[in-house]
C-alpha atoms as a PDB file:
ATOM      1  CA  ALA A   1     -48.827  23.411  16.171  1.00  0.00           C
ATOM      2  CA  GLY A   2     -50.369  20.314  14.786  1.00  0.00           C
ATOM      3  CA  ASP A   3     -49.574  19.632  11.106  1.00  0.00           C
ATOM      4  CA  GLN A   4     -52.929  21.035   9.806  1.00  0.00           C
ATOM      5  CA  GLN A   5     -52.732  24.145  11.964  1.00  0.00           C
ATOM      6  CA  ALA A   6     -49.185  24.724  10.680  1.00  0.00           C
ATOM      7  CA  ALA A   7     -50.664  24.327   7.083  1.00  0.00           C
ATOM      8  CA  LEU A   8     -53.231  26.943   7.848  1.00  0.00           C
ATOM      9  CA  PHE A   9     -50.426  29.314   9.057  1.00  0.00           C
ATOM     10  CA  GLY A  10     -48.232  28.499   6.209  1.00  0.00           C
ATOM     11  CA  GLN A  11     -51.084  29.465   3.871  1.00  0.00           C
ATOM     12  CA  ALA A  12     -51.223  32.816   5.566  1.00  0.00           C
ATOM     13  CA  CYS A  13     -54.710  32.398   6.605  1.00  0.00           C
ATOM     14  CA  HIS A  14     -54.186  34.730   9.561  1.00  0.00           C
ATOM     15  CA  ALA A  15     -57.432  36.532   9.334  1.00  0.00           C
ATOM     16  CA  PRO A  16     -60.955  35.189  10.434  1.00  0.00           C
ATOM     17  CA  GLY A  17     -62.873  33.655   7.493  1.00  0.00           C
ATOM     18  CA  MET A  18     -59.806  32.432   5.634  1.00  0.00           C
ATOM     19  CA  ALA A  19     -59.571  28.753   5.003  1.00  0.00           C
ATOM     20  CA  LYS A  20     -57.383  26.197   3.462  1.00  0.00           C
ATOM     21  CA  ASN A  21     -57.827  22.641   2.274  1.00  0.00           C
ATOM     22  CA  THR A  22     -54.919  19.986   2.069  1.00  0.00           C
ATOM     23  CA  TYR A  23     -55.642  17.354  -0.609  1.00  0.00           C
ATOM     24  CA  GLY A  24     -53.753  14.245   0.307  1.00  0.00           C
ATOM     25  CA  THR A  25     -54.893  10.730   0.980  1.00  0.00           C
ATOM     26  CA  GLY A  26     -57.817  12.476   2.841  1.00  0.00           C
ATOM     27  CA  CYS A  27     -58.734  16.203   2.969  1.00  0.00           C
ATOM     28  CA  PHE A  28     -58.187  18.432   5.847  1.00  0.00           C
ATOM     29  CA  MET A  29     -60.037  21.826   5.823  1.00  0.00           C
ATOM     30  CA  LEU A  30     -59.457  24.432   8.401  1.00  0.00           C
ATOM     31  CA  MET A  31     -61.011  27.930   8.597  1.00  0.00           C
ATOM     32  CA  ASN A  32     -59.605  30.690  10.893  1.00  0.00           C
ATOM     33  CA  THR A  33     -62.373  31.940  13.305  1.00  0.00           C
ATOM     34  CA  GLY A  34     -60.392  34.384  15.172  1.00  0.00           C
ATOM     35  CA  ALA A  35     -59.972  35.151  18.817  1.00  0.00           C
ATOM     36  CA  GLU A  36     -63.094  33.357  19.977  1.00  0.00           C
ATOM     37  CA  PRO A  37     -63.869  29.593  19.689  1.00  0.00           C
ATOM     38  CA  VAL A  38     -66.989  28.632  17.512  1.00  0.00           C
ATOM     39  CA  ARG A  39     -68.766  25.694  18.886  1.00  0.00           C
ATOM     40  CA  SER A  40     -69.892  23.671  15.798  1.00  0.00           C
ATOM     41  CA  GLN A  41     -73.541  22.879  15.491  1.00  0.00           C
ATOM     42  CA  ASN A  42     -72.648  20.892  12.231  1.00  0.00           C
ATOM     43  CA  ASN A  43     -70.336  18.097  13.428  1.00  0.00           C
ATOM     44  CA  LEU A  44     -67.010  19.730  13.009  1.00  0.00           C
ATOM     45  CA  LEU A  45     -64.161  20.139  15.336  1.00  0.00           C
ATOM     46  CA  THR A  46     -63.292  23.327  17.212  1.00  0.00           C
ATOM     47  CA  THR A  47     -59.400  23.539  17.641  1.00  0.00           C
ATOM     48  CA  VAL A  48     -56.697  25.967  18.566  1.00  0.00           C
ATOM     49  CA  ALA A  49     -55.029  27.176  15.482  1.00  0.00           C
ATOM     50  CA  TRP A  50     -52.066  28.739  17.126  1.00  0.00           C
ATOM     51  CA  LYS A  51     -50.988  30.927  19.953  1.00  0.00           C
ATOM     52  CA  ILE A  52     -48.637  33.798  19.624  1.00  0.00           C
ATOM     53  CA  GLY A  53     -47.772  35.472  22.846  1.00  0.00           C
ATOM     54  CA  ASP A  54     -50.843  35.848  24.783  1.00  0.00           C
ATOM     55  CA  SER A  55     -53.058  36.001  21.602  1.00  0.00           C
ATOM     56  CA  VAL A  56     -54.830  32.774  20.719  1.00  0.00           C
ATOM     57  CA  ASN A  57     -56.530  32.046  17.267  1.00  0.00           C
ATOM     58  CA  TYR A  58     -59.084  29.448  16.798  1.00  0.00           C
ATOM     59  CA  ALA A  59     -60.298  27.280  13.946  1.00  0.00           C
ATOM     60  CA  LEU A  60     -63.058  24.958  12.668  1.00  0.00           C
ATOM     61  CA  GLU A  61     -61.746  21.678  11.229  1.00  0.00           C
ATOM     62  CA  GLY A  62     -63.258  19.169   9.114  1.00  0.00           C
ATOM     63  CA  SER A  63     -61.528  15.670   7.987  1.00  0.00           C
ATOM     64  CA  VAL A  64     -62.380  13.798   4.786  1.00  0.00           C
ATOM     65  CA  PHE A  65     -61.287  10.218   5.148  1.00  0.00           C
ATOM     66  CA  ILE A  66     -60.903   9.257   1.474  1.00  0.00           C
ATOM     67  CA  ALA A  67     -59.636  11.867  -1.145  1.00  0.00           C
ATOM     68  CA  GLY A  68     -56.570  11.079  -3.200  1.00  0.00           C
ATOM     69  CA  ALA A  69     -57.027   7.566  -1.861  1.00  0.00           C
ATOM     70  CA  VAL A  70     -59.849   7.011  -4.252  1.00  0.00           C
ATOM     71  CA  VAL A  71     -57.472   7.503  -7.178  1.00  0.00           C
ATOM     72  CA  GLN A  72     -55.114   4.990  -5.496  1.00  0.00           C
ATOM     73  CA  TRP A  73     -58.068   2.547  -5.446  1.00  0.00           C
ATOM     74  CA  LEU A  74     -58.956   2.995  -9.119  1.00  0.00           C
ATOM     75  CA  ARG A  75     -55.071   2.509  -9.924  1.00  0.00           C
ATOM     76  CA  ASP A  76     -54.417  -0.426  -7.726  1.00  0.00           C
ATOM     77  CA  GLN A  77     -57.713  -2.374  -7.412  1.00  0.00           C
ATOM     78  CA  LEU A  78     -59.462  -1.725 -10.785  1.00  0.00           C
ATOM     79  CA  GLY A  79     -56.376  -0.943 -12.732  1.00  0.00           C
ATOM     80  CA  ILE A  80     -58.033   1.769 -14.952  1.00  0.00           C
ATOM     81  CA  VAL A  81     -54.887   3.922 -14.733  1.00  0.00           C
ATOM     82  CA  GLU A  82     -51.283   3.110 -14.463  1.00  0.00           C
ATOM     83  CA  LYS A  83     -50.236   6.222 -12.431  1.00  0.00           C
ATOM     84  CA  ALA A  84     -52.266   8.372 -10.042  1.00  0.00           C
ATOM     85  CA  ALA A  85     -51.421  11.317 -12.333  1.00  0.00           C
ATOM     86  CA  ASP A  86     -53.073   9.721 -15.210  1.00  0.00           C
ATOM     87  CA  ILE A  87     -56.590  10.175 -13.577  1.00  0.00           C
ATOM     88  CA  GLU A  88     -56.816  13.858 -14.839  1.00  0.00           C
ATOM     89  CA  ALA A  89     -56.513  12.905 -18.564  1.00  0.00           C
ATOM     90  CA  LEU A  90     -58.884  10.033 -18.287  1.00  0.00           C
ATOM     91  CA  ALA A  91     -61.479  12.197 -16.416  1.00  0.00           C
ATOM     92  CA  SER A  92     -61.064  14.775 -19.211  1.00  0.00           C
ATOM     93  CA  THR A  93     -62.124  12.297 -21.933  1.00  0.00           C
ATOM     94  CA  VAL A  94     -65.958  13.082 -20.855  1.00  0.00           C
ATOM     95  CA  LYS A  95     -67.585  16.380 -20.572  1.00  0.00           C
ATOM     96  CA  ASP A  96     -69.349  15.214 -17.320  1.00  0.00           C
ATOM     97  CA  ASN A  97     -69.975  12.285 -15.031  1.00  0.00           C
ATOM     98  CA  GLY A  98     -72.626  10.919 -17.183  1.00  0.00           C
ATOM     99  CA  GLY A  99     -74.944  10.498 -14.189  1.00  0.00           C
ATOM    100  CA  VAL A 100     -72.499   8.529 -12.286  1.00  0.00           C
ATOM    101  CA  CYS A 101     -72.088   9.460  -8.461  1.00  0.00           C
ATOM    102  CA  PHE A 102     -69.222   7.821  -6.490  1.00  0.00           C
ATOM    103  CA  VAL A 103     -69.200   7.959  -2.766  1.00  0.00           C
ATOM    104  CA  PRO A 104     -65.724   6.649  -1.649  1.00  0.00           C
ATOM    105  CA  ALA A 105     -66.627   5.750   1.892  1.00  0.00           C
ATOM    106  CA  PHE A 106     -64.168   2.888   2.083  1.00  0.00           C
ATOM    107  CA  ALA A 107     -63.618   3.533   5.919  1.00  0.00           C
ATOM    108  CA  GLY A 108     -66.990   5.240   6.600  1.00  0.00           C
ATOM    109  CA  LEU A 109     -67.528   8.922   6.188  1.00  0.00           C
ATOM    110  CA  GLY A 110     -65.771  11.699   8.138  1.00  0.00           C
ATOM    111  CA  ALA A 111     -66.955  15.339   8.556  1.00  0.00           C
ATOM    112  CA  PRO A 112     -69.674  16.334   8.750  1.00  0.00           C
ATOM    113  CA  HIS A 113     -71.466  12.753   8.778  1.00  0.00           C
ATOM    114  CA  TRP A 114     -69.205  10.737  11.094  1.00  0.00           C
ATOM    115  CA  ASP A 115     -70.703   7.552  10.038  1.00  0.00           C
ATOM    116  CA  PRO A 116     -68.435   4.435  10.514  1.00  0.00           C
ATOM    117  CA  TYR A 117     -71.102   2.222   8.931  1.00  0.00           C
ATOM    118  CA  ALA A 118     -71.121   4.038   5.611  1.00  0.00           C
ATOM    119  CA  ARG A 119     -69.580   2.135   2.606  1.00  0.00           C
ATOM    120  CA  GLY A 120     -68.292   2.977  -0.817  1.00  0.00           C
ATOM    121  CA  THR A 121     -71.225   3.276  -3.251  1.00  0.00           C
ATOM    122  CA  ILE A 122     -71.413   4.040  -7.008  1.00  0.00           C
ATOM    123  CA  VAL A 123     -74.893   4.945  -8.282  1.00  0.00           C
ATOM    124  CA  GLY A 124     -76.184   6.026 -11.650  1.00  0.00           C
ATOM    125  CA  LEU A 125     -74.417   3.506 -13.820  1.00  0.00           C
ATOM    126  CA  THR A 126     -75.801   2.713 -17.348  1.00  0.00           C
ATOM    127  CA  ARG A 127     -74.725   0.765 -20.270  1.00  0.00           C
ATOM    128  CA  GLY A 128     -73.161   3.968 -21.398  1.00  0.00           C
ATOM    129  CA  SER A 129     -71.012   4.531 -18.429  1.00  0.00           C
ATOM    130  CA  SER A 130     -67.346   4.394 -19.044  1.00  0.00           C
ATOM    131  CA  LYS A 131     -64.092   4.335 -17.024  1.00  0.00           C
ATOM    132  CA  GLY A 132     -63.870   8.017 -17.972  1.00  0.00           C
ATOM    133  CA  HIS A 133     -67.064   8.679 -16.205  1.00  0.00           C
ATOM    134  CA  LEU A 134     -65.859   6.671 -13.136  1.00  0.00           C
ATOM    135  CA  ALA A 135     -62.642   8.639 -13.078  1.00  0.00           C
ATOM    136  CA  ARG A 136     -64.485  12.038 -13.213  1.00  0.00           C
ATOM    137  CA  ALA A 137     -67.112  10.835 -10.521  1.00  0.00           C
ATOM    138  CA  ALA A 138     -64.077  10.002  -8.450  1.00  0.00           C
ATOM    139  CA  LEU A 139     -62.470  13.457  -8.703  1.00  0.00           C
ATOM    140  CA  GLU A 140     -65.889  15.027  -8.123  1.00  0.00           C
ATOM    141  CA  ALA A 141     -66.273  13.045  -4.912  1.00  0.00           C
ATOM    142  CA  ILE A 142     -63.215  14.586  -3.607  1.00  0.00           C
ATOM    143  CA  ALA A 143     -64.660  18.119  -4.439  1.00  0.00           C
ATOM    144  CA  PHE A 144     -68.091  17.198  -3.127  1.00  0.00           C
ATOM    145  CA  GLN A 145     -66.913  16.048   0.188  1.00  0.00           C
ATOM    146  CA  SER A 146     -64.830  19.265   0.584  1.00  0.00           C
ATOM    147  CA  TRP A 147     -68.026  21.274  -0.382  1.00  0.00           C
ATOM    148  CA  GLU A 148     -69.928  19.662   2.394  1.00  0.00           C
ATOM    149  CA  VAL A 149     -67.239  20.511   5.049  1.00  0.00           C
ATOM    150  CA  LEU A 150     -67.125  24.223   3.864  1.00  0.00           C
ATOM    151  CA  HIS A 151     -70.890  24.244   3.838  1.00  0.00           C
ATOM    152  CA  ALA A 152     -70.909  23.313   7.463  1.00  0.00           C
ATOM    153  CA  MET A 153     -68.182  25.715   8.235  1.00  0.00           C
ATOM    154  CA  GLU A 154     -69.988  28.719   6.743  1.00  0.00           C
ATOM    155  CA  ALA A 155     -73.017  27.639   8.727  1.00  0.00           C
ATOM    156  CA  ASP A 156     -71.162  27.470  11.900  1.00  0.00           C
ATOM    157  CA  SER A 157     -69.092  30.610  11.635  1.00  0.00           C
ATOM    158  CA  GLY A 158     -71.620  32.787   9.888  1.00  0.00           C
ATOM    159  CA  ILE A 159     -68.653  33.803   7.454  1.00  0.00           C
ATOM    160  CA  ARG A 160     -69.032  33.396   3.703  1.00  0.00           C
ATOM    161  CA  LEU A 161     -65.754  32.283   2.158  1.00  0.00           C
ATOM    162  CA  THR A 162     -64.196  34.458  -0.454  1.00  0.00           C
ATOM    163  CA  GLU A 163     -61.469  32.187  -1.656  1.00  0.00           C
ATOM    164  CA  LEU A 164     -60.145  28.620  -0.769  1.00  0.00           C
ATOM    165  CA  ARG A 165     -56.339  28.223  -0.515  1.00  0.00           C
ATOM    166  CA  VAL A 166     -55.194  24.701  -1.370  1.00  0.00           C
ATOM    167  CA  ASP A 167     -52.199  22.547  -1.034  1.00  0.00           C
ATOM    168  CA  GLY A 168     -51.348  18.790  -0.939  1.00  0.00           C
ATOM    169  CA  GLY A 169     -50.471  16.487  -3.821  1.00  0.00           C
ATOM    170  CA  ALA A 170     -53.973  16.251  -5.339  1.00  0.00           C
ATOM    171  CA  SER A 171     -54.099  20.075  -5.463  1.00  0.00           C
ATOM    172  CA  LEU A 172     -51.743  19.648  -8.532  1.00  0.00           C
ATOM    173  CA  ASN A 173     -54.793  18.109 -10.442  1.00  0.00           C
ATOM    174  CA  ALA A 174     -56.095  21.196 -12.348  1.00  0.00           C
ATOM    175  CA  LEU A 175     -59.271  19.477 -13.314  1.00  0.00           C
ATOM    176  CA  LEU A 176     -60.054  18.674  -9.702  1.00  0.00           C
ATOM    177  CA  MET A 177     -59.400  22.313  -8.613  1.00  0.00           C
ATOM    178  CA  GLU A 178     -61.641  23.481 -11.545  1.00  0.00           C
ATOM    179  CA  ILE A 179     -64.424  21.266 -10.180  1.00  0.00           C
ATOM    180  CA  GLN A 180     -63.901  22.493  -6.590  1.00  0.00           C
ATOM    181  CA  ALA A 181     -64.010  26.064  -7.631  1.00  0.00           C
ATOM    182  CA  GLY A 182     -67.265  25.309  -9.666  1.00  0.00           C
ATOM    183  CA  LEU A 183     -68.940  23.640  -6.533  1.00  0.00           C
ATOM    184  CA  LEU A 184     -67.839  26.143  -3.948  1.00  0.00           C
ATOM    185  CA  ARG A 185     -68.565  29.167  -6.117  1.00  0.00           C
ATOM    186  CA  VAL A 186     -65.501  30.907  -5.059  1.00  0.00           C
ATOM    187  CA  PRO A 187     -61.828  31.152  -6.462  1.00  0.00           C
ATOM    188  CA  VAL A 188     -59.579  28.166  -5.547  1.00  0.00           C
ATOM    189  CA  VAL A 189     -56.001  29.402  -5.114  1.00  0.00           C
ATOM    190  CA  ARG A 190     -52.937  27.331  -5.224  1.00  0.00           C
ATOM    191  CA  PRO A 191     -49.596  28.872  -3.935  1.00  0.00           C
ATOM    192  CA  THR A 192     -46.246  28.732  -5.202  1.00  0.00           C
ATOM    193  CA  VAL A 193     -45.058  26.617  -2.156  1.00  0.00           C
ATOM    194  CA  ALA A 194     -46.932  23.349  -1.880  1.00  0.00           C
ATOM    195  CA  GLU A 195     -45.265  22.087   1.341  1.00  0.00           C
ATOM    196  CA  THR A 196     -47.335  24.402   3.513  1.00  0.00           C
ATOM    197  CA  THR A 197     -47.208  22.280   6.670  1.00  0.00           C
ATOM    198  CA  ALA A 198     -43.383  22.570   6.863  1.00  0.00           C
ATOM    199  CA  LEU A 199     -43.638  26.216   5.831  1.00  0.00           C
ATOM    200  CA  GLY A 200     -45.998  26.985   8.605  1.00  0.00           C
ATOM    201  CA  ALA A 201     -43.909  25.240  11.206  1.00  0.00           C
ATOM    202  CA  ALA A 202     -40.928  27.146   9.971  1.00  0.00           C
ATOM    203  CA  TYR A 203     -42.725  30.322  10.222  1.00  0.00           C
ATOM    204  CA  LEU A 204     -43.985  29.787  13.671  1.00  0.00           C
ATOM    205  CA  ALA A 205     -40.453  28.807  14.769  1.00  0.00           C
ATOM    206  CA  GLY A 206     -39.016  32.033  13.222  1.00  0.00           C
ATOM    207  CA  LEU A 207     -41.594  34.205  14.556  1.00  0.00           C
ATOM    208  CA  ALA A 208     -40.699  32.937  18.089  1.00  0.00           C
ATOM    209  CA  THR A 209     -37.072  33.417  17.485  1.00  0.00           C
ATOM    210  CA  GLY A 210     -37.224  36.826  15.847  1.00  0.00           C
ATOM    211  CA  VAL A 211     -36.554  35.856  12.170  1.00  0.00           C
ATOM    212  CA  TRP A 212     -39.828  37.460  11.187  1.00  0.00           C
ATOM    213  CA  GLY A 213     -41.167  40.485  13.220  1.00  0.00           C
ATOM    214  CA  ASP A 214     -44.902  39.948  12.700  1.00  0.00           C
ATOM    215  CA  LEU A 215     -47.597  38.269  10.727  1.00  0.00           C
ATOM    216  CA  SER A 216     -47.518  41.005   7.998  1.00  0.00           C
ATOM    217  CA  GLU A 217     -43.985  40.025   7.134  1.00  0.00           C
ATOM    218  CA  ILE A 218     -45.011  36.338   6.777  1.00  0.00           C
ATOM    219  CA  ALA A 219     -48.162  37.138   4.839  1.00  0.00           C
ATOM    220  CA  ALA A 220     -46.180  39.095   2.369  1.00  0.00           C
ATOM    221  CA  ASN A 221     -44.109  35.891   1.502  1.00  0.00           C
ATOM    222  CA  TRP A 222     -47.240  34.214   0.431  1.00  0.00           C
ATOM    223  CA  ALA A 223     -47.612  33.983  -3.404  1.00  0.00           C
ATOM    224  CA  GLU A 224     -50.209  32.576  -5.714  1.00  0.00           C
ATOM    225  CA  GLU A 225     -49.177  29.949  -8.385  1.00  0.00           C
ATOM    226  CA  ARG A 226     -52.481  29.467 -10.094  1.00  0.00           C
ATOM    227  CA  ARG A 227     -56.199  30.672  -9.452  1.00  0.00           C
ATOM    228  CA  PHE A 228     -59.205  28.472 -10.436  1.00  0.00           C
ATOM    229  CA  LEU A 229     -62.302  30.445 -11.015  1.00  0.00           C
ATOM    230  CA  PRO A 230     -65.835  29.141 -10.457  1.00  0.00           C
ATOM    231  CA  SER A 231     -67.623  28.309 -13.705  1.00  0.00           C
ATOM    232  CA  LEU A 232     -71.015  27.025 -12.581  1.00  0.00           C
ATOM    233  CA  ASP A 233     -74.258  29.013 -11.809  1.00  0.00           C
ATOM    234  CA  ALA A 234     -76.208  28.496  -8.591  1.00  0.00           C
ATOM    235  CA  GLU A 235     -78.873  26.509 -10.331  1.00  0.00           C
ATOM    236  CA  GLU A 236     -76.384  24.009 -11.764  1.00  0.00           C
ATOM    237  CA  THR A 237     -74.505  23.907  -8.455  1.00  0.00           C
ATOM    238  CA  ALA A 238     -77.686  22.962  -6.466  1.00  0.00           C
ATOM    239  CA  ARG A 239     -78.673  20.376  -8.980  1.00  0.00           C
ATOM    240  CA  LEU A 240     -75.225  18.729  -8.695  1.00  0.00           C
ATOM    241  CA  THR A 241     -75.010  18.893  -4.863  1.00  0.00           C
ATOM    242  CA  ASP A 242     -78.526  17.682  -4.469  1.00  0.00           C
ATOM    243  CA  ARG A 243     -77.506  14.491  -6.574  1.00  0.00           C
ATOM    244  CA  TRP A 244     -74.433  14.084  -4.467  1.00  0.00           C
ATOM    245  CA  LEU A 245     -76.297  14.182  -1.199  1.00  0.00           C
ATOM    246  CA  ARG A 246     -78.911  11.739  -2.341  1.00  0.00           C
ATOM    247  CA  ALA A 247     -75.900   9.403  -3.132  1.00  0.00           C
ATOM    248  CA  VAL A 248     -74.463   9.865   0.207  1.00  0.00           C
ATOM    249  CA  GLU A 249     -77.757   8.792   1.724  1.00  0.00           C
ATOM    250  CA  ARG A 250     -77.483   5.492  -0.054  1.00  0.00           C
ATOM    251  CA  ALA A 251     -74.123   4.940   1.345  1.00  0.00           C
ATOM    252  CA  LYS A 252     -74.841   5.889   5.034  1.00  0.00           C
ATOM    253  CA  LYS A 253     -75.342   3.147   7.512  1.00  0.00           C
ATOM    254  CA  TRP A 254     -74.873   0.480   4.924  1.00  0.00           C
ATOM    255  CA  GLU A 255     -72.793  -1.922   7.145  1.00  0.00           C
ATOM    256  CA  LYS A 256     -75.281  -1.471  10.064  1.00  0.00           C
ATOM    257  CA  THR A 257     -78.208  -2.547   7.852  1.00  0.00           C
ATOM    258  CA  LEU A 258     -76.418  -5.876   7.266  1.00  0.00           C
ATOM    259  CA  GLU A 259     -76.094  -7.014  10.806  1.00  0.00           C
END
């Protein structure tokens, strides 16, 4: 299995409709779609999740190019935090983004846009904008991009997500996970074992060699460390996501317009 497929398995997302998101330098979301491949109509990838014996499970996959890397940029290029972990405290100094929207398209946009000409864009700045607002907008950008991928997955699969399982270094940021739960309007669940790629690879190898008898034994090992519950209503979510999508349109095809 590939690393993201292994992470899906390690998160015990064994049933159709279960999904995980890995928050690292980028974000990598996979949704189990079951025994039949789903051909995406929304610019996602259709992939084999795993094969056990003669049984094949498929998944939809969406990749976000810049996630935790936006925090690295704020640290290394702008110097507004000394350590990446400081971003949560800085973003928590403000109650919202103050109207600031940050689209970190430093290397173009990944799923579901696939626009190599998009470039990083910050809109909504005023004289009142602070580094706290910029920090919060950066965390929100990670969550908004993941929301876009999940929205596409739900449209393709016809399955409404009931919870999102998360892993990766940036999943330790509690504020980010709270923002993510609010936008998705489903619980975001962090497991006790964060290294789910290695765990999934071990599970697959152990299943093949008889260490575990079946998927139910593996699923029983999965344990929740923390659950983040949604706090936004549908109207507020729609307002925020509409503003995000308008900002994304400003970023798209930017480099191409300069040719």
